[in-house]
Amino acid sequence: MEIKVNINMKKELAEYMHKVYEEESKKAGWETQKKTRKSFAKLPKENREVMLRMAEAVSRWFTKHGNDGHDDFYNYICIKKELFEEIEQ
């Protein structure tokens, strides 16, 4: 017996990113728009589409950079932060 599981990774990632965004915003004391404080499925269509495009962009990043994508992204952010801190001083 073969069991097939169909997972839409882009949608799963978009749902996760939305959930985390709402949670982290709340922890930071930032109030998000009332229309977005709901499950992914109940978001306005435009918001869902943006999150799906964001998930696609994140997927492309990791596809392009492979397993080391996380380290590359982290290094990029650290270097960028150091540069901006140096410029601001």
PDB file of N, CA and C in Angstrom:
ATOM      1  N   MET A   1       0.839  -1.178   0.000  1.00  0.00           N
ATOM      2  CA  MET A   1       0.000   0.000   0.000  1.00  0.00           C
ATOM      3  C   MET A   1       0.891   1.251   0.000  1.00  0.00           C
ATOM      4  N   GLU A   2       0.618   2.127  -0.909  1.00  0.00           N
ATOM      5  CA  GLU A   2       1.396   3.356  -1.026  1.00  0.00           C
ATOM      6  C   GLU A   2       0.554   4.544  -0.567  1.00  0.00           C
ATOM      7  N   ILE A   3       1.151   5.370   0.266  1.00  0.00           N
ATOM      8  CA  ILE A   3       0.459   6.571   0.743  1.00  0.00           C
ATOM      9  C   ILE A   3       1.182   7.775   0.167  1.00  0.00           C
ATOM     10  N   LYS A   4       0.426   8.638  -0.480  1.00  0.00           N
ATOM     11  CA  LYS A   4       1.003   9.849  -1.051  1.00  0.00           C
ATOM     12  C   LYS A   4       0.542  11.047  -0.226  1.00  0.00           C
ATOM     13  N   VAL A   5       1.485  11.903   0.064  1.00  0.00           N
ATOM     14  CA  VAL A   5       1.177  13.120   0.799  1.00  0.00           C
ATOM     15  C   VAL A   5       1.532  14.297  -0.091  1.00  0.00           C
ATOM     16  N   ASN A   6       0.560  15.133  -0.334  1.00  0.00           N
ATOM     17  CA  ASN A   6       0.783  16.299  -1.171  1.00  0.00           C
ATOM     18  C   ASN A   6       0.928  17.526  -0.258  1.00  0.00           C
ATOM     19  N   ILE A   7       2.120  18.074  -0.207  1.00  0.00           N
ATOM     20  CA  ILE A   7       2.384  19.231   0.637  1.00  0.00           C
ATOM     21  C   ILE A   7       2.749  20.408  -0.242  1.00  0.00           C
ATOM     22  N   ASN A   8       2.054  21.503  -0.055  1.00  0.00           N
ATOM     23  CA  ASN A   8       2.368  22.729  -0.775  1.00  0.00           C
ATOM     24  C   ASN A   8       3.312  23.531   0.119  1.00  0.00           C
ATOM     25  N   MET A   9       4.606  23.370  -0.115  1.00  0.00           N
ATOM     26  CA  MET A   9       5.600  23.985   0.770  1.00  0.00           C
ATOM     27  C   MET A   9       5.495  25.505   0.792  1.00  0.00           C
ATOM     28  N   LYS A  10       5.219  26.115  -0.364  1.00  0.00           N
ATOM     29  CA  LYS A  10       5.105  27.568  -0.412  1.00  0.00           C
ATOM     30  C   LYS A  10       3.960  28.030   0.488  1.00  0.00           C
ATOM     31  N   LYS A  11       2.821  27.344   0.413  1.00  0.00           N
ATOM     32  CA  LYS A  11       1.666  27.710   1.241  1.00  0.00           C
ATOM     33  C   LYS A  11       1.964  27.459   2.715  1.00  0.00           C
ATOM     34  N   GLU A  12       2.581  26.322   3.019  1.00  0.00           N
ATOM     35  CA  GLU A  12       2.921  26.014   4.413  1.00  0.00           C
ATOM     36  C   GLU A  12       3.862  27.074   4.984  1.00  0.00           C
ATOM     37  N   LEU A  13       4.855  27.466   4.200  1.00  0.00           N
ATOM     38  CA  LEU A  13       5.801  28.482   4.648  1.00  0.00           C
ATOM     39  C   LEU A  13       5.103  29.825   4.833  1.00  0.00           C
ATOM     40  N   ALA A  14       4.229  30.191   3.900  1.00  0.00           N
ATOM     41  CA  ALA A  14       3.492  31.456   4.000  1.00  0.00           C
ATOM     42  C   ALA A  14       2.621  31.470   5.257  1.00  0.00           C
ATOM     43  N   GLU A  15       1.950  30.368   5.533  1.00  0.00           N
ATOM     44  CA  GLU A  15       1.110  30.275   6.736  1.00  0.00           C
ATOM     45  C   GLU A  15       1.967  30.416   7.996  1.00  0.00           C
ATOM     46  N   TYR A  16       3.096  29.736   8.004  1.00  0.00           N
ATOM     47  CA  TYR A  16       4.000  29.805   9.156  1.00  0.00           C
ATOM     48  C   TYR A  16       4.543  31.220   9.345  1.00  0.00           C
ATOM     49  N   MET A  17       4.955  31.856   8.247  1.00  0.00           N
ATOM     50  CA  MET A  17       5.496  33.213   8.334  1.00  0.00           C
ATOM     51  C   MET A  17       4.435  34.185   8.861  1.00  0.00           C
ATOM     52  N   HIS A  18       3.210  34.024   8.414  1.00  0.00           N
ATOM     53  CA  HIS A  18       2.123  34.888   8.892  1.00  0.00           C
ATOM     54  C   HIS A  18       1.902  34.691  10.389  1.00  0.00           C
ATOM     55  N   LYS A  19       1.861  33.433  10.800  1.00  0.00           N
ATOM     56  CA  LYS A  19       1.638  33.102  12.215  1.00  0.00           C
ATOM     57  C   LYS A  19       2.746  33.699  13.083  1.00  0.00           C
ATOM     58  N   VAL A  20       3.975  33.505  12.691  1.00  0.00           N
ATOM     59  CA  VAL A  20       5.117  34.013  13.455  1.00  0.00           C
ATOM     60  C   VAL A  20       5.120  35.538  13.460  1.00  0.00           C
ATOM     61  N   TYR A  21       4.812  36.145  12.328  1.00  0.00           N
ATOM     62  CA  TYR A  21       4.760  37.608  12.242  1.00  0.00           C
ATOM     63  C   TYR A  21       3.759  38.173  13.248  1.00  0.00           C
ATOM     64  N   GLU A  22       2.578  37.587  13.296  1.00  0.00           N
ATOM     65  CA  GLU A  22       1.557  38.056  14.244  1.00  0.00           C
ATOM     66  C   GLU A  22       2.012  37.839  15.692  1.00  0.00           C
ATOM     67  N   GLU A  23       2.600  36.685  15.977  1.00  0.00           N
ATOM     68  CA  GLU A  23       3.064  36.384  17.338  1.00  0.00           C
ATOM     69  C   GLU A  23       4.190  37.323  17.769  1.00  0.00           C
ATOM     70  N   GLU A  24       5.168  37.500  16.907  1.00  0.00           N
ATOM     71  CA  GLU A  24       6.310  38.341  17.255  1.00  0.00           C
ATOM     72  C   GLU A  24       5.923  39.812  17.354  1.00  0.00           C
ATOM     73  N   SER A  25       5.000  40.241  16.514  1.00  0.00           N
ATOM     74  CA  SER A  25       4.513  41.624  16.597  1.00  0.00           C
ATOM     75  C   SER A  25       3.857  41.863  17.948  1.00  0.00           C
ATOM     76  N   LYS A  26       3.063  40.916  18.366  1.00  0.00           N
ATOM     77  CA  LYS A  26       2.366  41.035  19.657  1.00  0.00           C
ATOM     78  C   LYS A  26       3.385  41.088  20.807  1.00  0.00           C
ATOM     79  N   LYS A  27       4.397  40.209  20.757  1.00  0.00           N
ATOM     80  CA  LYS A  27       5.435  40.199  21.802  1.00  0.00           C
ATOM     81  C   LYS A  27       6.179  41.529  21.861  1.00  0.00           C
ATOM     82  N   ALA A  28       6.352  42.155  20.701  1.00  0.00           N
ATOM     83  CA  ALA A  28       7.090  43.416  20.630  1.00  0.00           C
ATOM     84  C   ALA A  28       6.205  44.617  20.983  1.00  0.00           C
ATOM     85  N   GLY A  29       4.939  44.342  21.243  1.00  0.00           N
ATOM     86  CA  GLY A  29       4.029  45.418  21.599  1.00  0.00           C
ATOM     87  C   GLY A  29       3.513  46.196  20.398  1.00  0.00           C
ATOM     88  N   TRP A  30       3.656  45.605  19.236  1.00  0.00           N
ATOM     89  CA  TRP A  30       3.225  46.257  18.010  1.00  0.00           C
ATOM     90  C   TRP A  30       1.885  45.679  17.597  1.00  0.00           C
ATOM     91  N   GLU A  31       0.913  46.544  17.414  1.00  0.00           N
ATOM     92  CA  GLU A  31      -0.424  46.092  17.043  1.00  0.00           C
ATOM     93  C   GLU A  31      -0.546  46.041  15.523  1.00  0.00           C
ATOM     94  N   THR A  32      -0.796  44.861  14.998  1.00  0.00           N
ATOM     95  CA  THR A  32      -0.961  44.710  13.556  1.00  0.00           C
ATOM     96  C   THR A  32      -2.378  45.143  13.169  1.00  0.00           C
ATOM     97  N   GLN A  33      -2.601  45.244  11.886  1.00  0.00           N
ATOM     98  CA  GLN A  33      -3.922  45.639  11.401  1.00  0.00           C
ATOM     99  C   GLN A  33      -4.967  44.614  11.824  1.00  0.00           C
ATOM    100  N   LYS A  34      -6.114  45.123  12.208  1.00  0.00           N
ATOM    101  CA  LYS A  34      -7.189  44.236  12.666  1.00  0.00           C
ATOM    102  C   LYS A  34      -7.546  43.196  11.599  1.00  0.00           C
ATOM    103  N   LYS A  35      -7.541  43.605  10.333  1.00  0.00           N
ATOM    104  CA  LYS A  35      -7.928  42.676   9.267  1.00  0.00           C
ATOM    105  C   LYS A  35      -6.927  41.553   9.054  1.00  0.00           C
ATOM    106  N   THR A  36      -5.710  41.680   9.628  1.00  0.00           N
ATOM    107  CA  THR A  36      -4.715  40.608   9.465  1.00  0.00           C
ATOM    108  C   THR A  36      -4.561  39.755  10.717  1.00  0.00           C
ATOM    109  N   ARG A  37      -5.245  40.094  11.787  1.00  0.00           N
ATOM    110  CA  ARG A  37      -5.160  39.311  13.025  1.00  0.00           C
ATOM    111  C   ARG A  37      -6.093  38.114  12.977  1.00  0.00           C
ATOM    112  N   LYS A  38      -5.854  37.264  12.020  1.00  0.00           N
ATOM    113  CA  LYS A  38      -6.682  36.071  11.847  1.00  0.00           C
ATOM    114  C   LYS A  38      -5.854  34.991  11.173  1.00  0.00           C
ATOM    115  N   SER A  39      -6.443  33.825  11.036  1.00  0.00           N
ATOM    116  CA  SER A  39      -5.721  32.719  10.404  1.00  0.00           C
ATOM    117  C   SER A  39      -5.400  33.071   8.950  1.00  0.00           C
ATOM    118  N   PHE A  40      -4.402  32.417   8.413  1.00  0.00           N
ATOM    119  CA  PHE A  40      -3.970  32.655   7.042  1.00  0.00           C
ATOM    120  C   PHE A  40      -5.140  32.513   6.067  1.00  0.00           C
ATOM    121  N   ALA A  41      -5.933  31.483   6.242  1.00  0.00           N
ATOM    122  CA  ALA A  41      -7.050  31.209   5.327  1.00  0.00           C
ATOM    123  C   ALA A  41      -8.082  32.341   5.333  1.00  0.00           C
ATOM    124  N   LYS A  42      -8.161  33.069   6.428  1.00  0.00           N
ATOM    125  CA  LYS A  42      -9.159  34.138   6.542  1.00  0.00           C
ATOM    126  C   LYS A  42      -8.593  35.526   6.250  1.00  0.00           C
ATOM    127  N   LEU A  43      -7.324  35.584   5.872  1.00  0.00           N
ATOM    128  CA  LEU A  43      -6.728  36.872   5.510  1.00  0.00           C
ATOM    129  C   LEU A  43      -7.375  37.404   4.235  1.00  0.00           C
ATOM    130  N   PRO A  44      -7.357  38.736   4.056  1.00  0.00           N
ATOM    131  CA  PRO A  44      -7.792  39.269   2.764  1.00  0.00           C
ATOM    132  C   PRO A  44      -6.914  38.668   1.662  1.00  0.00           C
ATOM    133  N   LYS A  45      -7.493  38.468   0.506  1.00  0.00           N
ATOM    134  CA  LYS A  45      -6.797  37.825  -0.609  1.00  0.00           C
ATOM    135  C   LYS A  45      -5.448  38.479  -0.893  1.00  0.00           C
ATOM    136  N   GLU A  46      -5.408  39.810  -0.870  1.00  0.00           N
ATOM    137  CA  GLU A  46      -4.171  40.530  -1.169  1.00  0.00           C
ATOM    138  C   GLU A  46      -3.063  40.172  -0.176  1.00  0.00           C
ATOM    139  N   ASN A  47      -3.412  40.065   1.098  1.00  0.00           N
ATOM    140  CA  ASN A  47      -2.426  39.713   2.119  1.00  0.00           C
ATOM    141  C   ASN A  47      -1.911  38.287   1.924  1.00  0.00           C
ATOM    142  N   ARG A  48      -2.813  37.364   1.614  1.00  0.00           N
ATOM    143  CA  ARG A  48      -2.387  35.975   1.362  1.00  0.00           C
ATOM    144  C   ARG A  48      -1.430  35.926   0.179  1.00  0.00           C
ATOM    145  N   GLU A  49      -1.766  36.659  -0.871  1.00  0.00           N
ATOM    146  CA  GLU A  49      -0.913  36.646  -2.059  1.00  0.00           C
ATOM    147  C   GLU A  49       0.475  37.208  -1.770  1.00  0.00           C
ATOM    148  N   VAL A  50       0.555  38.263  -0.970  1.00  0.00           N
ATOM    149  CA  VAL A  50       1.867  38.823  -0.602  1.00  0.00           C
ATOM    150  C   VAL A  50       2.664  37.806   0.200  1.00  0.00           C
ATOM    151  N   MET A  51       2.027  37.152   1.160  1.00  0.00           N
ATOM    152  CA  MET A  51       2.738  36.155   1.968  1.00  0.00           C
ATOM    153  C   MET A  51       3.194  34.981   1.104  1.00  0.00           C
ATOM    154  N   LEU A  52       2.387  34.583   0.137  1.00  0.00           N
ATOM    155  CA  LEU A  52       2.791  33.501  -0.770  1.00  0.00           C
ATOM    156  C   LEU A  52       3.989  33.933  -1.619  1.00  0.00           C
ATOM    157  N   ARG A  53       4.000  35.182  -2.063  1.00  0.00           N
ATOM    158  CA  ARG A  53       5.157  35.663  -2.836  1.00  0.00           C
ATOM    159  C   ARG A  53       6.399  35.744  -1.949  1.00  0.00           C
ATOM    160  N   MET A  54       6.223  36.144  -0.693  1.00  0.00           N
ATOM    161  CA  MET A  54       7.352  36.175   0.242  1.00  0.00           C
ATOM    162  C   MET A  54       7.898  34.759   0.456  1.00  0.00           C
ATOM    163  N   ALA A  55       7.009  33.805   0.632  1.00  0.00           N
ATOM    164  CA  ALA A  55       7.436  32.415   0.812  1.00  0.00           C
ATOM    165  C   ALA A  55       8.193  31.926  -0.424  1.00  0.00           C
ATOM    166  N   GLU A  56       7.723  32.312  -1.586  1.00  0.00           N
ATOM    167  CA  GLU A  56       8.412  31.936  -2.833  1.00  0.00           C
ATOM    168  C   GLU A  56       9.814  32.543  -2.864  1.00  0.00           C
ATOM    169  N   ALA A  57       9.933  33.804  -2.442  1.00  0.00           N
ATOM    170  CA  ALA A  57      11.244  34.466  -2.429  1.00  0.00           C
ATOM    171  C   ALA A  57      12.192  33.772  -1.452  1.00  0.00           C
ATOM    172  N   VAL A  58      11.701  33.396  -0.285  1.00  0.00           N
ATOM    173  CA  VAL A  58      12.526  32.681   0.700  1.00  0.00           C
ATOM    174  C   VAL A  58      12.935  31.326   0.129  1.00  0.00           C
ATOM    175  N   SER A  59      11.996  30.646  -0.524  1.00  0.00           N
ATOM    176  CA  SER A  59      12.305  29.345  -1.138  1.00  0.00           C
ATOM    177  C   SER A  59      13.391  29.483  -2.192  1.00  0.00           C
ATOM    178  N   ARG A  60      13.280  30.512  -3.027  1.00  0.00           N
ATOM    179  CA  ARG A  60      14.297  30.732  -4.062  1.00  0.00           C
ATOM    180  C   ARG A  60      15.663  30.977  -3.428  1.00  0.00           C
ATOM    181  N   TRP A  61      15.677  31.730  -2.322  1.00  0.00           N
ATOM    182  CA  TRP A  61      16.947  32.010  -1.634  1.00  0.00           C
ATOM    183  C   TRP A  61      17.627  30.700  -1.251  1.00  0.00           C
ATOM    184  N   PHE A  62      16.883  29.817  -0.580  1.00  0.00           N
ATOM    185  CA  PHE A  62      17.480  28.568  -0.110  1.00  0.00           C
ATOM    186  C   PHE A  62      17.769  27.605  -1.253  1.00  0.00           C
ATOM    187  N   THR A  63      16.981  27.661  -2.315  1.00  0.00           N
ATOM    188  CA  THR A  63      17.266  26.831  -3.484  1.00  0.00           C
ATOM    189  C   THR A  63      18.575  27.280  -4.117  1.00  0.00           C
ATOM    190  N   LYS A  64      18.743  28.580  -4.240  1.00  0.00           N
ATOM    191  CA  LYS A  64      19.955  29.134  -4.850  1.00  0.00           C
ATOM    192  C   LYS A  64      21.190  28.846  -4.002  1.00  0.00           C
ATOM    193  N   HIS A  65      21.051  28.930  -2.699  1.00  0.00           N
ATOM    194  CA  HIS A  65      22.209  28.814  -1.816  1.00  0.00           C
ATOM    195  C   HIS A  65      22.369  27.435  -1.184  1.00  0.00           C
ATOM    196  N   GLY A  66      21.458  26.536  -1.452  1.00  0.00           N
ATOM    197  CA  GLY A  66      21.569  25.176  -0.939  1.00  0.00           C
ATOM    198  C   GLY A  66      21.524  25.116   0.580  1.00  0.00           C
ATOM    199  N   ASN A  67      22.110  24.062   1.129  1.00  0.00           N
ATOM    200  CA  ASN A  67      22.087  23.858   2.572  1.00  0.00           C
ATOM    201  C   ASN A  67      22.817  24.943   3.337  1.00  0.00           C
ATOM    202  N   ASP A  68      23.749  25.616   2.667  1.00  0.00           N
ATOM    203  CA  ASP A  68      24.492  26.682   3.327  1.00  0.00           C
ATOM    204  C   ASP A  68      23.765  28.017   3.246  1.00  0.00           C
ATOM    205  N   GLY A  69      22.571  28.016   2.682  1.00  0.00           N
ATOM    206  CA  GLY A  69      21.815  29.253   2.525  1.00  0.00           C
ATOM    207  C   GLY A  69      21.598  29.987   3.823  1.00  0.00           C
ATOM    208  N   HIS A  70      21.328  29.252   4.889  1.00  0.00           N
ATOM    209  CA  HIS A  70      21.098  29.899   6.176  1.00  0.00           C
ATOM    210  C   HIS A  70      22.340  30.638   6.630  1.00  0.00           C
ATOM    211  N   ASP A  71      23.479  29.987   6.537  1.00  0.00           N
ATOM    212  CA  ASP A  71      24.733  30.624   6.951  1.00  0.00           C
ATOM    213  C   ASP A  71      25.056  31.827   6.078  1.00  0.00           C
ATOM    214  N   ASP A  72      24.824  31.696   4.768  1.00  0.00           N
ATOM    215  CA  ASP A  72      25.070  32.812   3.864  1.00  0.00           C
ATOM    216  C   ASP A  72      24.171  33.995   4.212  1.00  0.00           C
ATOM    217  N   PHE A  73      22.906  33.707   4.470  1.00  0.00           N
ATOM    218  CA  PHE A  73      21.957  34.767   4.792  1.00  0.00           C
ATOM    219  C   PHE A  73      22.350  35.433   6.114  1.00  0.00           C
ATOM    220  N   TYR A  74      22.702  34.626   7.102  1.00  0.00           N
ATOM    221  CA  TYR A  74      23.113  35.158   8.399  1.00  0.00           C
ATOM    222  C   TYR A  74      24.354  36.047   8.243  1.00  0.00           C
ATOM    223  N   ASN A  75      25.328  35.573   7.491  1.00  0.00           N
ATOM    224  CA  ASN A  75      26.538  36.370   7.266  1.00  0.00           C
ATOM    225  C   ASN A  75      26.216  37.669   6.540  1.00  0.00           C
ATOM    226  N   TYR A  76      25.336  37.599   5.565  1.00  0.00           N
ATOM    227  CA  TYR A  76      24.921  38.788   4.816  1.00  0.00           C
ATOM    228  C   TYR A  76      24.305  39.820   5.760  1.00  0.00           C
ATOM    229  N   ILE A  77      23.415  39.374   6.621  1.00  0.00           N
ATOM    230  CA  ILE A  77      22.757  40.281   7.566  1.00  0.00           C
ATOM    231  C   ILE A  77      23.774  40.867   8.535  1.00  0.00           C
ATOM    232  N   CYS A  78      24.685  40.058   9.044  1.00  0.00           N
ATOM    233  CA  CYS A  78      25.698  40.546   9.991  1.00  0.00           C
ATOM    234  C   CYS A  78      26.605  41.579   9.330  1.00  0.00           C
ATOM    235  N   ILE A  79      27.043  41.301   8.123  1.00  0.00           N
ATOM    236  CA  ILE A  79      27.917  42.243   7.407  1.00  0.00           C
ATOM    237  C   ILE A  79      27.157  43.530   7.127  1.00  0.00           C
ATOM    238  N   LYS A  80      25.915  43.415   6.683  1.00  0.00           N
ATOM    239  CA  LYS A  80      25.096  44.585   6.387  1.00  0.00           C
ATOM    240  C   LYS A  80      24.907  45.430   7.656  1.00  0.00           C
ATOM    241  N   LYS A  81      24.632  44.773   8.763  1.00  0.00           N
ATOM    242  CA  LYS A  81      24.429  45.487  10.028  1.00  0.00           C
ATOM    243  C   LYS A  81      25.705  46.215  10.435  1.00  0.00           C
ATOM    244  N   GLU A  82      26.841  45.535  10.336  1.00  0.00           N
ATOM    245  CA  GLU A  82      28.117  46.164  10.690  1.00  0.00           C
ATOM    246  C   GLU A  82      28.390  47.382   9.822  1.00  0.00           C
ATOM    247  N   LEU A  83      28.107  47.276   8.526  1.00  0.00           N
ATOM    248  CA  LEU A  83      28.330  48.399   7.614  1.00  0.00           C
ATOM    249  C   LEU A  83      27.454  49.587   7.977  1.00  0.00           C
ATOM    250  N   PHE A  84      26.180  49.324   8.247  1.00  0.00           N
ATOM    251  CA  PHE A  84      25.284  50.425   8.574  1.00  0.00           C
ATOM    252  C   PHE A  84      25.629  51.041   9.922  1.00  0.00           C
ATOM    253  N   GLU A  85      26.032  50.218  10.881  1.00  0.00           N
ATOM    254  CA  GLU A  85      26.433  50.776  12.186  1.00  0.00           C
ATOM    255  C   GLU A  85      27.663  51.660  12.030  1.00  0.00           C
ATOM    256  N   GLU A  86      28.591  51.237  11.165  1.00  0.00           N
ATOM    257  CA  GLU A  86      29.796  52.011  10.933  1.00  0.00           C
ATOM    258  C   GLU A  86      29.457  53.340  10.240  1.00  0.00           C
ATOM    259  N   ILE A  87      28.553  53.300   9.285  1.00  0.00           N
ATOM    260  CA  ILE A  87      28.153  54.502   8.561  1.00  0.00           C
ATOM    261  C   ILE A  87      27.425  55.474   9.480  1.00  0.00           C
ATOM    262  N   GLU A  88      26.567  54.947  10.355  1.00  0.00           N
ATOM    263  CA  GLU A  88      25.775  55.796  11.250  1.00  0.00           C
ATOM    264  C   GLU A  88      26.631  56.486  12.307  1.00  0.00           C
ATOM    265  N   GLN A  89      27.790  55.943  12.622  1.00  0.00           N
ATOM    266  CA  GLN A  89      28.636  56.531  13.678  1.00  0.00           C
ATOM    267  C   GLN A  89      29.401  57.679  13.222  1.00  0.00           C
TER     268      GLN A  89
END
